[in-house]
Amino acid sequence: MKRRRRQKDLLKLGDVLNKALKRREVFVPFEDRKLLEIWRKSVGPQIATRTHPENIRRGTLFVRVSTSVWMQELQFMKKEIIAGINRFYGRETVQNIRFVIGEIPTWPEAVKASEKPAPRS
């Protein structure tokens, strides 16, 4: 008789796929890229390098943060961040933000390239 794996040993399929895609540097879908760009414009480069917006579900934006210190700091800035994000979206897209500590991936090259200053003539 086979033994079943313990529940704690199981991984979510989405997490496994995300890790594999990031490892292979597969292009980020358009909607995710839009969220990344809006997040970076809303919070600025210093915060953006220490955070990663995951997705928006039912008006809540889920954001990974590199450390507990940054998580605490961002809690104080939550209202301003929500207002900035909604301003860029042009509608009330986000009503709340939930921060969790986690690994922060590097920004996709497409986002980095779009932020490089234009060459001077």
PDB file of N, CA and C in Angstrom:
ATOM      1  N   MET A   1       0.833  -1.185   0.000  1.00  0.00           N
ATOM      2  CA  MET A   1       0.000   0.000   0.000  1.00  0.00           C
ATOM      3  C   MET A   1       0.881   1.254   0.000  1.00  0.00           C
ATOM      4  N   LYS A   2       0.597   2.164  -0.927  1.00  0.00           N
ATOM      5  CA  LYS A   2       1.360   3.404  -1.033  1.00  0.00           C
ATOM      6  C   LYS A   2       0.973   4.378   0.067  1.00  0.00           C
ATOM      7  N   ARG A   3       1.974   5.087   0.573  1.00  0.00           N
ATOM      8  CA  ARG A   3       1.697   6.134   1.559  1.00  0.00           C
ATOM      9  C   ARG A   3       1.457   7.450   0.829  1.00  0.00           C
ATOM     10  N   ARG A   4       0.521   8.198   1.291  1.00  0.00           N
ATOM     11  CA  ARG A   4       0.234   9.500   0.703  1.00  0.00           C
ATOM     12  C   ARG A   4       1.209  10.527   1.256  1.00  0.00           C
ATOM     13  N   ARG A   5       1.548  11.479   0.412  1.00  0.00           N
ATOM     14  CA  ARG A   5       2.411  12.569   0.860  1.00  0.00           C
ATOM     15  C   ARG A   5       1.698  13.415   1.891  1.00  0.00           C
ATOM     16  N   ARG A   6       2.458  13.929   2.793  1.00  0.00           N
ATOM     17  CA  ARG A   6       1.872  14.845   3.768  1.00  0.00           C
ATOM     18  C   ARG A   6       1.439  16.123   3.076  1.00  0.00           C
ATOM     19  N   GLN A   7       0.440  16.751   3.615  1.00  0.00           N
ATOM     20  CA  GLN A   7      -0.082  17.996   3.050  1.00  0.00           C
ATOM     21  C   GLN A   7       0.993  19.067   2.967  1.00  0.00           C
ATOM     22  N   LYS A   8       1.879  19.142   3.966  1.00  0.00           N
ATOM     23  CA  LYS A   8       2.880  20.206   3.982  1.00  0.00           C
ATOM     24  C   LYS A   8       3.930  20.031   2.885  1.00  0.00           C
ATOM     25  N   ASP A   9       4.081  18.832   2.337  1.00  0.00           N
ATOM     26  CA  ASP A   9       5.055  18.575   1.281  1.00  0.00           C
ATOM     27  C   ASP A   9       4.541  18.991  -0.096  1.00  0.00           C
ATOM     28  N   LEU A  10       3.253  19.221  -0.210  1.00  0.00           N
ATOM     29  CA  LEU A  10       2.671  19.570  -1.498  1.00  0.00           C
ATOM     30  C   LEU A  10       2.927  21.035  -1.830  1.00  0.00           C
ATOM     31  N   LEU A  11       3.125  21.297  -3.107  1.00  0.00           N
ATOM     32  CA  LEU A  11       3.322  22.664  -3.586  1.00  0.00           C
ATOM     33  C   LEU A  11       2.179  23.039  -4.518  1.00  0.00           C
ATOM     34  N   LYS A  12       1.843  24.321  -4.541  1.00  0.00           N
ATOM     35  CA  LYS A  12       0.821  24.788  -5.463  1.00  0.00           C
ATOM     36  C   LYS A  12       1.395  24.759  -6.875  1.00  0.00           C
ATOM     37  N   LEU A  13       0.599  24.321  -7.825  1.00  0.00           N
ATOM     38  CA  LEU A  13       1.045  24.247  -9.208  1.00  0.00           C
ATOM     39  C   LEU A  13       1.459  25.621  -9.726  1.00  0.00           C
ATOM     40  N   GLY A  14       0.722  26.648  -9.374  1.00  0.00           N
ATOM     41  CA  GLY A  14       1.042  28.002  -9.801  1.00  0.00           C
ATOM     42  C   GLY A  14       2.419  28.448  -9.316  1.00  0.00           C
ATOM     43  N   ASP A  15       2.778  28.089  -8.068  1.00  0.00           N
ATOM     44  CA  ASP A  15       4.087  28.446  -7.533  1.00  0.00           C
ATOM     45  C   ASP A  15       5.209  27.741  -8.291  1.00  0.00           C
ATOM     46  N   VAL A  16       4.992  26.459  -8.598  1.00  0.00           N
ATOM     47  CA  VAL A  16       5.990  25.681  -9.336  1.00  0.00           C
ATOM     48  C   VAL A  16       6.182  26.274 -10.732  1.00  0.00           C
ATOM     49  N   LEU A  17       5.077  26.593 -11.411  1.00  0.00           N
ATOM     50  CA  LEU A  17       5.156  27.177 -12.754  1.00  0.00           C
ATOM     51  C   LEU A  17       5.835  28.544 -12.739  1.00  0.00           C
ATOM     52  N   ASN A  18       5.478  29.383 -11.763  1.00  0.00           N
ATOM     53  CA  ASN A  18       6.098  30.708 -11.676  1.00  0.00           C
ATOM     54  C   ASN A  18       7.606  30.607 -11.504  1.00  0.00           C
ATOM     55  N   LYS A  19       8.060  29.702 -10.634  1.00  0.00           N
ATOM     56  CA  LYS A  19       9.503  29.536 -10.425  1.00  0.00           C
ATOM     57  C   LYS A  19      10.184  29.056 -11.695  1.00  0.00           C
ATOM     58  N   ALA A  20       9.561  28.105 -12.383  1.00  0.00           N
ATOM     59  CA  ALA A  20      10.156  27.572 -13.611  1.00  0.00           C
ATOM     60  C   ALA A  20      10.221  28.648 -14.691  1.00  0.00           C
ATOM     61  N   LEU A  21       9.164  29.431 -14.837  1.00  0.00           N
ATOM     62  CA  LEU A  21       9.141  30.483 -15.850  1.00  0.00           C
ATOM     63  C   LEU A  21      10.157  31.580 -15.538  1.00  0.00           C
ATOM     64  N   LYS A  22      10.272  31.939 -14.280  1.00  0.00           N
ATOM     65  CA  LYS A  22      11.222  32.976 -13.901  1.00  0.00           C
ATOM     66  C   LYS A  22      12.655  32.490 -14.110  1.00  0.00           C
ATOM     67  N   ARG A  23      12.902  31.221 -13.807  1.00  0.00           N
ATOM     68  CA  ARG A  23      14.232  30.650 -13.996  1.00  0.00           C
ATOM     69  C   ARG A  23      14.627  30.682 -15.465  1.00  0.00           C
ATOM     70  N   ARG A  24      13.658  30.439 -16.343  1.00  0.00           N
ATOM     71  CA  ARG A  24      13.902  30.436 -17.787  1.00  0.00           C
ATOM     72  C   ARG A  24      13.774  31.823 -18.405  1.00  0.00           C
ATOM     73  N   GLU A  25      13.434  32.817 -17.571  1.00  0.00           N
ATOM     74  CA  GLU A  25      13.260  34.202 -18.008  1.00  0.00           C
ATOM     75  C   GLU A  25      12.233  34.319 -19.136  1.00  0.00           C
ATOM     76  N   VAL A  26      11.106  33.648 -18.940  1.00  0.00           N
ATOM     77  CA  VAL A  26      10.014  33.712 -19.905  1.00  0.00           C
ATOM     78  C   VAL A  26       9.343  35.070 -19.777  1.00  0.00           C
ATOM     79  N   PHE A  27       8.938  35.647 -20.898  1.00  0.00           N
ATOM     80  CA  PHE A  27       8.335  36.967 -20.942  1.00  0.00           C
ATOM     81  C   PHE A  27       7.103  37.048 -20.044  1.00  0.00           C
ATOM     82  N   VAL A  28       6.992  38.132 -19.306  1.00  0.00           N
ATOM     83  CA  VAL A  28       5.864  38.361 -18.403  1.00  0.00           C
ATOM     84  C   VAL A  28       4.649  38.787 -19.217  1.00  0.00           C
ATOM     85  N   PRO A  29       3.457  38.228 -18.952  1.00  0.00           N
ATOM     86  CA  PRO A  29       2.259  38.632 -19.691  1.00  0.00           C
ATOM     87  C   PRO A  29       1.973  40.129 -19.563  1.00  0.00           C
ATOM     88  N   PHE A  30       1.255  40.671 -20.538  1.00  0.00           N
ATOM     89  CA  PHE A  30       0.988  42.106 -20.620  1.00  0.00           C
ATOM     90  C   PHE A  30       0.371  42.664 -19.342  1.00  0.00           C
ATOM     91  N   GLU A  31      -0.657  42.030 -18.795  1.00  0.00           N
ATOM     92  CA  GLU A  31      -1.346  42.539 -17.618  1.00  0.00           C
ATOM     93  C   GLU A  31      -0.388  42.611 -16.436  1.00  0.00           C
ATOM     94  N   ASP A  32       0.461  41.589 -16.254  1.00  0.00           N
ATOM     95  CA  ASP A  32       1.435  41.612 -15.168  1.00  0.00           C
ATOM     96  C   ASP A  32       2.429  42.746 -15.365  1.00  0.00           C
ATOM     97  N   ARG A  33       2.852  42.966 -16.599  1.00  0.00           N
ATOM     98  CA  ARG A  33       3.788  44.034 -16.905  1.00  0.00           C
ATOM     99  C   ARG A  33       3.171  45.390 -16.569  1.00  0.00           C
ATOM    100  N   LYS A  34       1.886  45.544 -16.877  1.00  0.00           N
ATOM    101  CA  LYS A  34       1.197  46.800 -16.577  1.00  0.00           C
ATOM    102  C   LYS A  34       1.185  47.046 -15.063  1.00  0.00           C
ATOM    103  N   LEU A  35       0.892  46.014 -14.284  1.00  0.00           N
ATOM    104  CA  LEU A  35       0.886  46.143 -12.829  1.00  0.00           C
ATOM    105  C   LEU A  35       2.288  46.488 -12.326  1.00  0.00           C
ATOM    106  N   LEU A  36       3.312  45.846 -12.872  1.00  0.00           N
ATOM    107  CA  LEU A  36       4.689  46.138 -12.466  1.00  0.00           C
ATOM    108  C   LEU A  36       5.060  47.589 -12.761  1.00  0.00           C
ATOM    109  N   GLU A  37       4.689  48.056 -13.940  1.00  0.00           N
ATOM    110  CA  GLU A  37       5.010  49.440 -14.320  1.00  0.00           C
ATOM    111  C   GLU A  37       4.274  50.447 -13.445  1.00  0.00           C
ATOM    112  N   ILE A  38       2.996  50.200 -13.195  1.00  0.00           N
ATOM    113  CA  ILE A  38       2.203  51.109 -12.354  1.00  0.00           C
ATOM    114  C   ILE A  38       2.743  51.109 -10.926  1.00  0.00           C
ATOM    115  N   TRP A  39       3.098  49.931 -10.414  1.00  0.00           N
ATOM    116  CA  TRP A  39       3.662  49.833  -9.066  1.00  0.00           C
ATOM    117  C   TRP A  39       4.947  50.664  -8.977  1.00  0.00           C
ATOM    118  N   ARG A  40       5.832  50.476  -9.947  1.00  0.00           N
ATOM    119  CA  ARG A  40       7.118  51.186  -9.926  1.00  0.00           C
ATOM    120  C   ARG A  40       6.915  52.704 -10.005  1.00  0.00           C
ATOM    121  N   LYS A  41       5.990  53.157 -10.838  1.00  0.00           N
ATOM    122  CA  LYS A  41       5.720  54.593 -10.945  1.00  0.00           C
ATOM    123  C   LYS A  41       5.089  55.131  -9.661  1.00  0.00           C
ATOM    124  N   SER A  42       4.261  54.320  -9.012  1.00  0.00           N
ATOM    125  CA  SER A  42       3.551  54.761  -7.809  1.00  0.00           C
ATOM    126  C   SER A  42       4.454  54.867  -6.585  1.00  0.00           C
ATOM    127  N   VAL A  43       5.385  53.909  -6.440  1.00  0.00           N
ATOM    128  CA  VAL A  43       6.192  53.874  -5.214  1.00  0.00           C
ATOM    129  C   VAL A  43       7.616  54.379  -5.402  1.00  0.00           C
ATOM    130  N   GLY A  44       8.077  54.480  -6.646  1.00  0.00           N
ATOM    131  CA  GLY A  44       9.440  54.937  -6.900  1.00  0.00           C
ATOM    132  C   GLY A  44      10.434  53.787  -6.905  1.00  0.00           C
ATOM    133  N   PRO A  45      11.632  54.047  -7.441  1.00  0.00           N
ATOM    134  CA  PRO A  45      12.613  52.976  -7.634  1.00  0.00           C
ATOM    135  C   PRO A  45      13.158  52.368  -6.343  1.00  0.00           C
ATOM    136  N   GLN A  46      13.313  53.160  -5.285  1.00  0.00           N
ATOM    137  CA  GLN A  46      13.870  52.636  -4.041  1.00  0.00           C
ATOM    138  C   GLN A  46      12.963  51.562  -3.439  1.00  0.00           C
ATOM    139  N   ILE A  47      11.680  51.814  -3.374  1.00  0.00           N
ATOM    140  CA  ILE A  47      10.732  50.839  -2.824  1.00  0.00           C
ATOM    141  C   ILE A  47      10.514  49.702  -3.818  1.00  0.00           C
ATOM    142  N   ALA A  48      10.443  50.029  -5.095  1.00  0.00           N
ATOM    143  CA  ALA A  48      10.169  49.012  -6.116  1.00  0.00           C
ATOM    144  C   ALA A  48      11.223  47.908  -6.149  1.00  0.00           C
ATOM    145  N   THR A  49      12.476  48.241  -5.850  1.00  0.00           N
ATOM    146  CA  THR A  49      13.519  47.208  -5.867  1.00  0.00           C
ATOM    147  C   THR A  49      13.432  46.273  -4.669  1.00  0.00           C
ATOM    148  N   ARG A  50      12.684  46.654  -3.657  1.00  0.00           N
ATOM    149  CA  ARG A  50      12.554  45.833  -2.453  1.00  0.00           C
ATOM    150  C   ARG A  50      11.177  45.191  -2.320  1.00  0.00           C
ATOM    151  N   THR A  51      10.355  45.356  -3.360  1.00  0.00           N
ATOM    152  CA  THR A  51       8.986  44.828  -3.333  1.00  0.00           C
ATOM    153  C   THR A  51       8.638  44.201  -4.678  1.00  0.00           C
ATOM    154  N   HIS A  52       7.558  43.424  -4.680  1.00  0.00           N
ATOM    155  CA  HIS A  52       7.074  42.849  -5.940  1.00  0.00           C
ATOM    156  C   HIS A  52       5.560  42.677  -5.861  1.00  0.00           C
ATOM    157  N   PRO A  53       4.803  43.432  -6.683  1.00  0.00           N
ATOM    158  CA  PRO A  53       3.348  43.262  -6.693  1.00  0.00           C
ATOM    159  C   PRO A  53       2.994  41.944  -7.373  1.00  0.00           C
ATOM    160  N   GLU A  54       2.212  41.118  -6.705  1.00  0.00           N
ATOM    161  CA  GLU A  54       1.847  39.807  -7.252  1.00  0.00           C
ATOM    162  C   GLU A  54       0.631  39.904  -8.167  1.00  0.00           C
ATOM    163  N   ASN A  55      -0.493  40.335  -7.591  1.00  0.00           N
ATOM    164  CA  ASN A  55      -1.727  40.446  -8.359  1.00  0.00           C
ATOM    165  C   ASN A  55      -2.757  41.233  -7.562  1.00  0.00           C
ATOM    166  N   ILE A  56      -3.864  41.510  -8.222  1.00  0.00           N
ATOM    167  CA  ILE A  56      -4.981  42.200  -7.577  1.00  0.00           C
ATOM    168  C   ILE A  56      -6.166  41.247  -7.607  1.00  0.00           C
ATOM    169  N   ARG A  57      -6.706  40.949  -6.425  1.00  0.00           N
ATOM    170  CA  ARG A  57      -7.893  40.093  -6.326  1.00  0.00           C
ATOM    171  C   ARG A  57      -8.921  40.782  -5.447  1.00  0.00           C
ATOM    172  N   ARG A  58     -10.113  40.942  -6.007  1.00  0.00           N
ATOM    173  CA  ARG A  58     -11.234  41.559  -5.281  1.00  0.00           C
ATOM    174  C   ARG A  58     -10.849  42.875  -4.614  1.00  0.00           C
ATOM    175  N   GLY A  59     -10.106  43.693  -5.337  1.00  0.00           N
ATOM    176  CA  GLY A  59      -9.749  45.009  -4.838  1.00  0.00           C
ATOM    177  C   GLY A  59      -8.553  45.036  -3.894  1.00  0.00           C
ATOM    178  N   THR A  60      -7.936  43.885  -3.639  1.00  0.00           N
ATOM    179  CA  THR A  60      -6.772  43.824  -2.764  1.00  0.00           C
ATOM    180  C   THR A  60      -5.526  43.515  -3.584  1.00  0.00           C
ATOM    181  N   LEU A  61      -4.530  44.368  -3.445  1.00  0.00           N
ATOM    182  CA  LEU A  61      -3.248  44.168  -4.113  1.00  0.00           C
ATOM    183  C   LEU A  61      -2.345  43.391  -3.163  1.00  0.00           C
ATOM    184  N   PHE A  62      -1.798  42.284  -3.649  1.00  0.00           N
ATOM    185  CA  PHE A  62      -0.887  41.459  -2.860  1.00  0.00           C
ATOM    186  C   PHE A  62       0.540  41.780  -3.290  1.00  0.00           C
ATOM    187  N   VAL A  63       1.373  42.158  -2.305  1.00  0.00           N
ATOM    188  CA  VAL A  63       2.734  42.615  -2.586  1.00  0.00           C
ATOM    189  C   VAL A  63       3.725  41.855  -1.706  1.00  0.00           C
ATOM    190  N   ARG A  64       4.763  41.299  -2.351  1.00  0.00           N
ATOM    191  CA  ARG A  64       5.859  40.679  -1.600  1.00  0.00           C
ATOM    192  C   ARG A  64       6.865  41.756  -1.240  1.00  0.00           C
ATOM    193  N   VAL A  65       7.400  41.665  -0.026  1.00  0.00           N
ATOM    194  CA  VAL A  65       8.348  42.648   0.498  1.00  0.00           C
ATOM    195  C   VAL A  65       9.589  41.902   0.974  1.00  0.00           C
ATOM    196  N   SER A  66      10.767  42.514   0.793  1.00  0.00           N
ATOM    197  CA  SER A  66      12.025  41.830   1.102  1.00  0.00           C
ATOM    198  C   SER A  66      12.267  41.611   2.593  1.00  0.00           C
ATOM    199  N   THR A  67      11.873  42.563   3.441  1.00  0.00           N
ATOM    200  CA  THR A  67      12.144  42.433   4.884  1.00  0.00           C
ATOM    201  C   THR A  67      10.964  42.944   5.708  1.00  0.00           C
ATOM    202  N   SER A  68      10.978  42.577   6.972  1.00  0.00           N
ATOM    203  CA  SER A  68       9.916  43.031   7.875  1.00  0.00           C
ATOM    204  C   SER A  68      10.013  44.543   8.117  1.00  0.00           C
ATOM    205  N   VAL A  69      11.208  45.087   8.055  1.00  0.00           N
ATOM    206  CA  VAL A  69      11.381  46.535   8.238  1.00  0.00           C
ATOM    207  C   VAL A  69      10.663  47.283   7.118  1.00  0.00           C
ATOM    208  N   TRP A  70      10.861  46.834   5.867  1.00  0.00           N
ATOM    209  CA  TRP A  70      10.167  47.463   4.740  1.00  0.00           C
ATOM    210  C   TRP A  70       8.665  47.244   4.839  1.00  0.00           C
ATOM    211  N   MET A  71       8.253  46.073   5.294  1.00  0.00           N
ATOM    212  CA  MET A  71       6.821  45.795   5.429  1.00  0.00           C
ATOM    213  C   MET A  71       6.180  46.798   6.396  1.00  0.00           C
ATOM    214  N   GLN A  72       6.837  47.039   7.519  1.00  0.00           N
ATOM    215  CA  GLN A  72       6.322  47.984   8.511  1.00  0.00           C
ATOM    216  C   GLN A  72       6.254  49.398   7.942  1.00  0.00           C
ATOM    217  N   GLU A  73       7.302  49.807   7.245  1.00  0.00           N
ATOM    218  CA  GLU A  73       7.349  51.141   6.649  1.00  0.00           C
ATOM    219  C   GLU A  73       6.218  51.320   5.628  1.00  0.00           C
ATOM    220  N   LEU A  74       5.997  50.299   4.814  1.00  0.00           N
ATOM    221  CA  LEU A  74       4.953  50.379   3.788  1.00  0.00           C
ATOM    222  C   LEU A  74       3.551  50.402   4.388  1.00  0.00           C
ATOM    223  N   GLN A  75       3.375  49.800   5.547  1.00  0.00           N
ATOM    224  CA  GLN A  75       2.075  49.860   6.222  1.00  0.00           C
ATOM    225  C   GLN A  75       1.679  51.317   6.490  1.00  0.00           C
ATOM    226  N   PHE A  76       2.672  52.133   6.866  1.00  0.00           N
ATOM    227  CA  PHE A  76       2.410  53.545   7.146  1.00  0.00           C
ATOM    228  C   PHE A  76       2.084  54.333   5.877  1.00  0.00           C
ATOM    229  N   MET A  77       2.557  53.830   4.733  1.00  0.00           N
ATOM    230  CA  MET A  77       2.380  54.532   3.460  1.00  0.00           C
ATOM    231  C   MET A  77       1.209  53.977   2.637  1.00  0.00           C
ATOM    232  N   LYS A  78       0.478  53.035   3.183  1.00  0.00           N
ATOM    233  CA  LYS A  78      -0.539  52.298   2.436  1.00  0.00           C
ATOM    234  C   LYS A  78      -1.553  53.198   1.730  1.00  0.00           C
ATOM    235  N   LYS A  79      -2.101  54.192   2.414  1.00  0.00           N
ATOM    236  CA  LYS A  79      -3.121  55.058   1.808  1.00  0.00           C
ATOM    237  C   LYS A  79      -2.572  55.835   0.617  1.00  0.00           C
ATOM    238  N   GLU A  80      -1.352  56.354   0.760  1.00  0.00           N
ATOM    239  CA  GLU A  80      -0.737  57.102  -0.338  1.00  0.00           C
ATOM    240  C   GLU A  80      -0.448  56.191  -1.529  1.00  0.00           C
ATOM    241  N   ILE A  81      -0.005  54.979  -1.256  1.00  0.00           N
ATOM    242  CA  ILE A  81       0.297  54.029  -2.336  1.00  0.00           C
ATOM    243  C   ILE A  81      -0.980  53.665  -3.084  1.00  0.00           C
ATOM    244  N   ILE A  82      -2.052  53.380  -2.346  1.00  0.00           N
ATOM    245  CA  ILE A  82      -3.335  53.037  -2.972  1.00  0.00           C
ATOM    246  C   ILE A  82      -3.812  54.192  -3.858  1.00  0.00           C
ATOM    247  N   ALA A  83      -3.713  55.411  -3.341  1.00  0.00           N
ATOM    248  CA  ALA A  83      -4.140  56.578  -4.129  1.00  0.00           C
ATOM    249  C   ALA A  83      -3.307  56.712  -5.402  1.00  0.00           C
ATOM    250  N   GLY A  84      -2.009  56.497  -5.306  1.00  0.00           N
ATOM    251  CA  GLY A  84      -1.133  56.589  -6.473  1.00  0.00           C
ATOM    252  C   GLY A  84      -1.440  55.527  -7.523  1.00  0.00           C
ATOM    253  N   ILE A  85      -1.660  54.308  -7.074  1.00  0.00           N
ATOM    254  CA  ILE A  85      -1.976  53.221  -8.007  1.00  0.00           C
ATOM    255  C   ILE A  85      -3.295  53.496  -8.715  1.00  0.00           C
ATOM    256  N   ASN A  86      -4.298  53.884  -7.958  1.00  0.00           N
ATOM    257  CA  ASN A  86      -5.604  54.165  -8.561  1.00  0.00           C
ATOM    258  C   ASN A  86      -5.539  55.359  -9.522  1.00  0.00           C
ATOM    259  N   ARG A  87      -4.690  56.317  -9.229  1.00  0.00           N
ATOM    260  CA  ARG A  87      -4.516  57.460 -10.131  1.00  0.00           C
ATOM    261  C   ARG A  87      -3.954  56.979 -11.477  1.00  0.00           C
ATOM    262  N   PHE A  88      -2.972  56.082 -11.452  1.00  0.00           N
ATOM    263  CA  PHE A  88      -2.394  55.567 -12.701  1.00  0.00           C
ATOM    264  C   PHE A  88      -3.369  54.673 -13.458  1.00  0.00           C
ATOM    265  N   TYR A  89      -4.176  53.894 -12.733  1.00  0.00           N
ATOM    266  CA  TYR A  89      -5.180  53.055 -13.394  1.00  0.00           C
ATOM    267  C   TYR A  89      -6.349  53.892 -13.915  1.00  0.00           C
ATOM    268  N   GLY A  90      -6.592  55.046 -13.290  1.00  0.00           N
ATOM    269  CA  GLY A  90      -7.689  55.904 -13.710  1.00  0.00           C
ATOM    270  C   GLY A  90      -9.035  55.477 -13.153  1.00  0.00           C
ATOM    271  N   ARG A  91      -9.010  54.581 -12.189  1.00  0.00           N
ATOM    272  CA  ARG A  91     -10.246  54.122 -11.529  1.00  0.00           C
ATOM    273  C   ARG A  91      -9.896  53.485 -10.188  1.00  0.00           C
ATOM    274  N   GLU A  92     -10.911  53.223  -9.380  1.00  0.00           N
ATOM    275  CA  GLU A  92     -10.713  52.613  -8.059  1.00  0.00           C
ATOM    276  C   GLU A  92     -10.446  51.111  -8.210  1.00  0.00           C
ATOM    277  N   THR A  93      -9.251  50.756  -8.601  1.00  0.00           N
ATOM    278  CA  THR A  93      -8.887  49.355  -8.807  1.00  0.00           C
ATOM    279  C   THR A  93      -8.483  48.695  -7.496  1.00  0.00           C
ATOM    280  N   VAL A  94      -7.759  49.428  -6.646  1.00  0.00           N
ATOM    281  CA  VAL A  94      -7.227  48.881  -5.403  1.00  0.00           C
ATOM    282  C   VAL A  94      -7.869  49.585  -4.217  1.00  0.00           C
ATOM    283  N   GLN A  95      -8.425  48.794  -3.283  1.00  0.00           N
ATOM    284  CA  GLN A  95      -8.977  49.350  -2.053  1.00  0.00           C
ATOM    285  C   GLN A  95      -8.098  49.022  -0.847  1.00  0.00           C
ATOM    286  N   ASN A  96      -7.285  47.956  -0.967  1.00  0.00           N
ATOM    287  CA  ASN A  96      -6.454  47.510   0.143  1.00  0.00           C
ATOM    288  C   ASN A  96      -5.160  46.896  -0.407  1.00  0.00           C
ATOM    289  N   ILE A  97      -4.136  46.865   0.430  1.00  0.00           N
ATOM    290  CA  ILE A  97      -2.881  46.209   0.064  1.00  0.00           C
ATOM    291  C   ILE A  97      -2.510  45.254   1.190  1.00  0.00           C
ATOM    292  N   ARG A  98      -2.112  44.039   0.814  1.00  0.00           N
ATOM    293  CA  ARG A  98      -1.619  43.055   1.795  1.00  0.00           C
ATOM    294  C   ARG A  98      -0.160  42.784   1.480  1.00  0.00           C
ATOM    295  N   PHE A  99       0.686  42.995   2.476  1.00  0.00           N
ATOM    296  CA  PHE A  99       2.112  42.779   2.317  1.00  0.00           C
ATOM    297  C   PHE A  99       2.507  41.444   2.945  1.00  0.00           C
ATOM    298  N   VAL A 100       3.371  40.704   2.254  1.00  0.00           N
ATOM    299  CA  VAL A 100       3.923  39.466   2.791  1.00  0.00           C
ATOM    300  C   VAL A 100       5.428  39.461   2.519  1.00  0.00           C
ATOM    301  N   ILE A 101       6.177  38.864   3.412  1.00  0.00           N
ATOM    302  CA  ILE A 101       7.619  38.785   3.221  1.00  0.00           C
ATOM    303  C   ILE A 101       7.918  37.626   2.284  1.00  0.00           C
ATOM    304  N   GLY A 102       8.781  37.873   1.302  1.00  0.00           N
ATOM    305  CA  GLY A 102       9.128  36.830   0.347  1.00  0.00           C
ATOM    306  C   GLY A 102      10.279  37.248  -0.544  1.00  0.00           C
ATOM    307  N   GLU A 103      10.648  36.344  -1.425  1.00  0.00           N
ATOM    308  CA  GLU A 103      11.737  36.596  -2.364  1.00  0.00           C
ATOM    309  C   GLU A 103      11.287  37.604  -3.409  1.00  0.00           C
ATOM    310  N   ILE A 104      12.149  38.539  -3.714  1.00  0.00           N
ATOM    311  CA  ILE A 104      11.832  39.574  -4.685  1.00  0.00           C
ATOM    312  C   ILE A 104      12.565  39.258  -5.990  1.00  0.00           C
ATOM    313  N   PRO A 105      11.816  38.973  -7.067  1.00  0.00           N
ATOM    314  CA  PRO A 105      12.478  38.691  -8.347  1.00  0.00           C
ATOM    315  C   PRO A 105      13.010  39.974  -8.967  1.00  0.00           C
ATOM    316  N   THR A 106      13.934  39.817  -9.894  1.00  0.00           N
ATOM    317  CA  THR A 106      14.435  40.989 -10.599  1.00  0.00           C
ATOM    318  C   THR A 106      13.360  41.448 -11.568  1.00  0.00           C
ATOM    319  N   TRP A 107      13.364  42.727 -11.879  1.00  0.00           N
ATOM    320  CA  TRP A 107      12.366  43.283 -12.791  1.00  0.00           C
ATOM    321  C   TRP A 107      12.621  42.765 -14.194  1.00  0.00           C
ATOM    322  N   PRO A 108      11.563  42.460 -14.951  1.00  0.00           N
ATOM    323  CA  PRO A 108      11.731  41.998 -16.337  1.00  0.00           C
ATOM    324  C   PRO A 108      12.479  43.036 -17.167  1.00  0.00           C
ATOM    325  N   GLU A 109      13.251  42.560 -18.110  1.00  0.00           N
ATOM    326  CA  GLU A 109      14.041  43.447 -18.958  1.00  0.00           C
ATOM    327  C   GLU A 109      13.176  44.467 -19.695  1.00  0.00           C
ATOM    328  N   ALA A 110      11.958  44.069 -20.085  1.00  0.00           N
ATOM    329  CA  ALA A 110      11.077  44.990 -20.812  1.00  0.00           C
ATOM    330  C   ALA A 110      10.757  46.211 -19.960  1.00  0.00           C
ATOM    331  N   VAL A 111      10.555  46.016 -18.668  1.00  0.00           N
ATOM    332  CA  VAL A 111      10.252  47.135 -17.779  1.00  0.00           C
ATOM    333  C   VAL A 111      11.507  47.972 -17.576  1.00  0.00           C
ATOM    334  N   LYS A 112      12.654  47.308 -17.359  1.00  0.00           N
ATOM    335  CA  LYS A 112      13.904  48.037 -17.149  1.00  0.00           C
ATOM    336  C   LYS A 112      14.249  48.882 -18.365  1.00  0.00           C
ATOM    337  N   ALA A 113      14.097  48.307 -19.552  1.00  0.00           N
ATOM    338  CA  ALA A 113      14.454  49.016 -20.779  1.00  0.00           C
ATOM    339  C   ALA A 113      13.584  50.246 -20.987  1.00  0.00           C
ATOM    340  N   SER A 114      12.311  50.156 -20.613  1.00  0.00           N
ATOM    341  CA  SER A 114      11.403  51.280 -20.833  1.00  0.00           C
ATOM    342  C   SER A 114      11.706  52.449 -19.899  1.00  0.00           C
ATOM    343  N   GLU A 115      12.474  52.210 -18.846  1.00  0.00           N
ATOM    344  CA  GLU A 115      12.761  53.269 -17.892  1.00  0.00           C
ATOM    345  C   GLU A 115      14.114  53.923 -18.115  1.00  0.00           C
ATOM    346  N   LYS A 116      14.889  53.423 -19.051  1.00  0.00           N
ATOM    347  CA  LYS A 116      16.186  54.017 -19.330  1.00  0.00           C
ATOM    348  C   LYS A 116      15.978  55.400 -19.947  1.00  0.00           C
ATOM    349  N   PRO A 117      16.787  56.369 -19.527  1.00  0.00           N
ATOM    350  CA  PRO A 117      16.618  57.707 -20.096  1.00  0.00           C
ATOM    351  C   PRO A 117      16.961  57.720 -21.576  1.00  0.00           C
ATOM    352  N   ALA A 118      16.291  58.559 -22.301  1.00  0.00           N
ATOM    353  CA  ALA A 118      16.556  58.681 -23.746  1.00  0.00           C
ATOM    354  C   ALA A 118      17.922  59.304 -23.945  1.00  0.00           C
ATOM    355  N   PRO A 119      18.653  58.874 -24.976  1.00  0.00           N
ATOM    356  CA  PRO A 119      19.975  59.448 -25.220  1.00  0.00           C
ATOM    357  C   PRO A 119      19.863  60.923 -25.579  1.00  0.00           C
ATOM    358  N   ARG A 120      20.836  61.695 -25.112  1.00  0.00           N
ATOM    359  CA  ARG A 120      20.839  63.145 -25.392  1.00  0.00           C
ATOM    360  C   ARG A 120      21.389  63.390 -26.777  1.00  0.00           C
ATOM    361  N   SER A 121      20.832  64.392 -27.457  1.00  0.00           N
ATOM    362  CA  SER A 121      21.294  64.710 -28.816  1.00  0.00           C
ATOM    363  C   SER A 121      22.355  65.765 -28.781  1.00  0.00           C
TER     364      SER A 121
END
